[in-house]
């Protein structure tokens, strides 16, 4: 699925195999990784 998407984000608490295949790694789900990824990779591009 990561290869098909072209850009992929893994959560920080994912396995090392998943993180190695992802384009970027964000914080863990316990530390608001999803929200941080949205702000960094989605919202910042909408503003630019």
N, C-alpha and C. Protein backbone atom coordinates (compact mmCIF):
# COMPACT_ATOMS: atom_id res chain seq x y z
N UNK A 1 0.83 -1.18 0.00
CA UNK A 1 0.00 0.00 0.00
C UNK A 1 0.88 1.25 0.00
N UNK A 2 1.96 1.25 0.77
CA UNK A 2 2.85 2.42 0.80
C UNK A 2 3.41 2.69 -0.59
N UNK A 3 3.82 1.67 -1.31
CA UNK A 3 4.40 1.85 -2.64
C UNK A 3 3.38 2.44 -3.61
N UNK A 4 2.13 2.02 -3.51
CA UNK A 4 1.08 2.51 -4.40
C UNK A 4 0.74 3.97 -4.15
N UNK A 5 0.83 4.41 -2.89
CA UNK A 5 0.40 5.76 -2.55
C UNK A 5 1.37 6.84 -3.04
N UNK A 6 2.62 6.50 -3.17
CA UNK A 6 3.62 7.49 -3.58
C UNK A 6 4.21 8.26 -2.41
N UNK A 7 3.43 8.53 -1.39
CA UNK A 7 3.90 9.20 -0.18
C UNK A 7 3.20 8.55 1.00
N UNK A 8 3.97 8.11 1.97
CA UNK A 8 3.38 7.39 3.10
C UNK A 8 3.96 7.89 4.41
N UNK A 9 3.13 7.83 5.44
CA UNK A 9 3.53 8.28 6.77
C UNK A 9 3.26 7.15 7.75
N UNK A 10 4.28 6.75 8.49
CA UNK A 10 4.13 5.72 9.51
C UNK A 10 4.08 6.38 10.88
N UNK A 11 3.31 5.80 11.76
CA UNK A 11 3.26 6.27 13.14
C UNK A 11 4.56 5.87 13.84
N UNK A 12 4.98 6.67 14.78
CA UNK A 12 6.23 6.42 15.49
C UNK A 12 6.28 5.12 16.24
N UNK A 13 5.13 4.59 16.62
CA UNK A 13 5.11 3.32 17.35
C UNK A 13 4.87 2.13 16.42
N UNK A 14 4.99 2.35 15.11
CA UNK A 14 4.89 1.24 14.15
C UNK A 14 6.13 0.36 14.26
N UNK A 15 6.04 -0.81 13.65
CA UNK A 15 7.20 -1.71 13.66
C UNK A 15 8.32 -1.08 12.82
N UNK A 16 9.53 -1.51 13.05
CA UNK A 16 10.67 -1.00 12.30
C UNK A 16 10.53 -1.29 10.81
N UNK A 17 9.93 -2.42 10.45
CA UNK A 17 9.71 -2.75 9.04
C UNK A 17 8.79 -1.73 8.37
N UNK A 18 7.71 -1.37 9.06
CA UNK A 18 6.77 -0.39 8.50
C UNK A 18 7.45 0.97 8.38
N UNK A 19 8.15 1.39 9.41
CA UNK A 19 8.82 2.69 9.37
C UNK A 19 9.86 2.75 8.27
N UNK A 20 10.55 1.65 8.02
CA UNK A 20 11.57 1.62 6.97
C UNK A 20 10.98 1.79 5.59
N UNK A 21 9.74 1.37 5.39
CA UNK A 21 9.10 1.46 4.08
C UNK A 21 8.36 2.79 3.87
N UNK A 22 8.14 3.54 4.93
CA UNK A 22 7.39 4.79 4.84
C UNK A 22 8.26 5.93 4.32
N UNK A 23 7.61 6.89 3.68
CA UNK A 23 8.32 8.09 3.22
C UNK A 23 8.75 8.95 4.41
N UNK A 24 7.89 9.03 5.42
CA UNK A 24 8.14 9.83 6.62
C UNK A 24 7.62 9.07 7.83
N UNK A 25 8.13 9.41 8.99
CA UNK A 25 7.66 8.83 10.25
C UNK A 25 7.27 9.98 11.16
N UNK A 26 6.09 9.88 11.75
CA UNK A 26 5.62 10.91 12.66
C UNK A 26 5.70 10.37 14.09
N UNK A 27 5.21 11.12 15.03
CA UNK A 27 5.22 10.72 16.44
C UNK A 27 4.25 9.55 16.65
N UNK A 28 4.27 8.98 17.82
CA UNK A 28 3.38 7.86 18.14
C UNK A 28 1.94 8.34 18.26
N UNK A 29 1.02 7.39 18.24
CA UNK A 29 -0.39 7.77 18.38
C UNK A 29 -0.66 8.34 19.77
N UNK A 30 0.10 7.91 20.77
CA UNK A 30 -0.09 8.45 22.12
C UNK A 30 0.36 9.91 22.22
N UNK A 31 1.22 10.34 21.30
CA UNK A 31 1.75 11.70 21.31
C UNK A 31 1.22 12.53 20.14
N UNK A 32 -0.03 12.26 19.74
CA UNK A 32 -0.72 13.02 18.70
C UNK A 32 -0.01 12.99 17.35
N UNK A 33 0.56 11.82 17.01
CA UNK A 33 1.27 11.67 15.75
C UNK A 33 0.43 11.97 14.53
N UNK A 34 -0.83 11.55 14.55
CA UNK A 34 -1.71 11.81 13.40
C UNK A 34 -1.91 13.31 13.21
N UNK A 35 -2.20 14.02 14.27
CA UNK A 35 -2.40 15.47 14.19
C UNK A 35 -1.12 16.17 13.75
N UNK A 36 0.01 15.73 14.26
CA UNK A 36 1.29 16.34 13.88
C UNK A 36 1.57 16.12 12.40
N UNK A 37 1.27 14.93 11.90
CA UNK A 37 1.48 14.64 10.49
C UNK A 37 0.56 15.50 9.62
N UNK A 38 -0.68 15.65 10.02
CA UNK A 38 -1.60 16.50 9.26
C UNK A 38 -1.08 17.93 9.18
N UNK A 39 -0.66 18.46 10.32
CA UNK A 39 -0.14 19.84 10.34
C UNK A 39 1.10 19.98 9.47
N UNK A 40 1.99 19.00 9.56
CA UNK A 40 3.27 19.11 8.84
C UNK A 40 3.14 18.84 7.35
N UNK A 41 2.40 17.82 6.96
CA UNK A 41 2.42 17.37 5.58
C UNK A 41 1.18 17.76 4.77
N UNK A 42 0.10 18.12 5.42
CA UNK A 42 -1.12 18.46 4.69
C UNK A 42 -1.44 19.95 4.82
N UNK A 43 -1.56 20.44 6.02
CA UNK A 43 -1.96 21.82 6.22
C UNK A 43 -0.91 22.81 5.76
N UNK A 44 0.36 22.50 5.96
CA UNK A 44 1.41 23.43 5.54
C UNK A 44 1.39 23.59 4.03
N UNK A 45 1.03 22.56 3.28
CA UNK A 45 0.98 22.64 1.83
C UNK A 45 -0.25 23.42 1.37
N UNK A 46 -1.32 23.37 2.16
CA UNK A 46 -2.53 24.11 1.81
C UNK A 46 -2.30 25.61 1.95
N UNK A 47 -1.45 26.01 2.87
CA UNK A 47 -1.17 27.43 3.10
C UNK A 47 -0.23 27.98 2.04
N UNK A 48 0.68 27.16 1.58
CA UNK A 48 1.71 27.62 0.62
C UNK A 48 1.16 27.98 -0.73
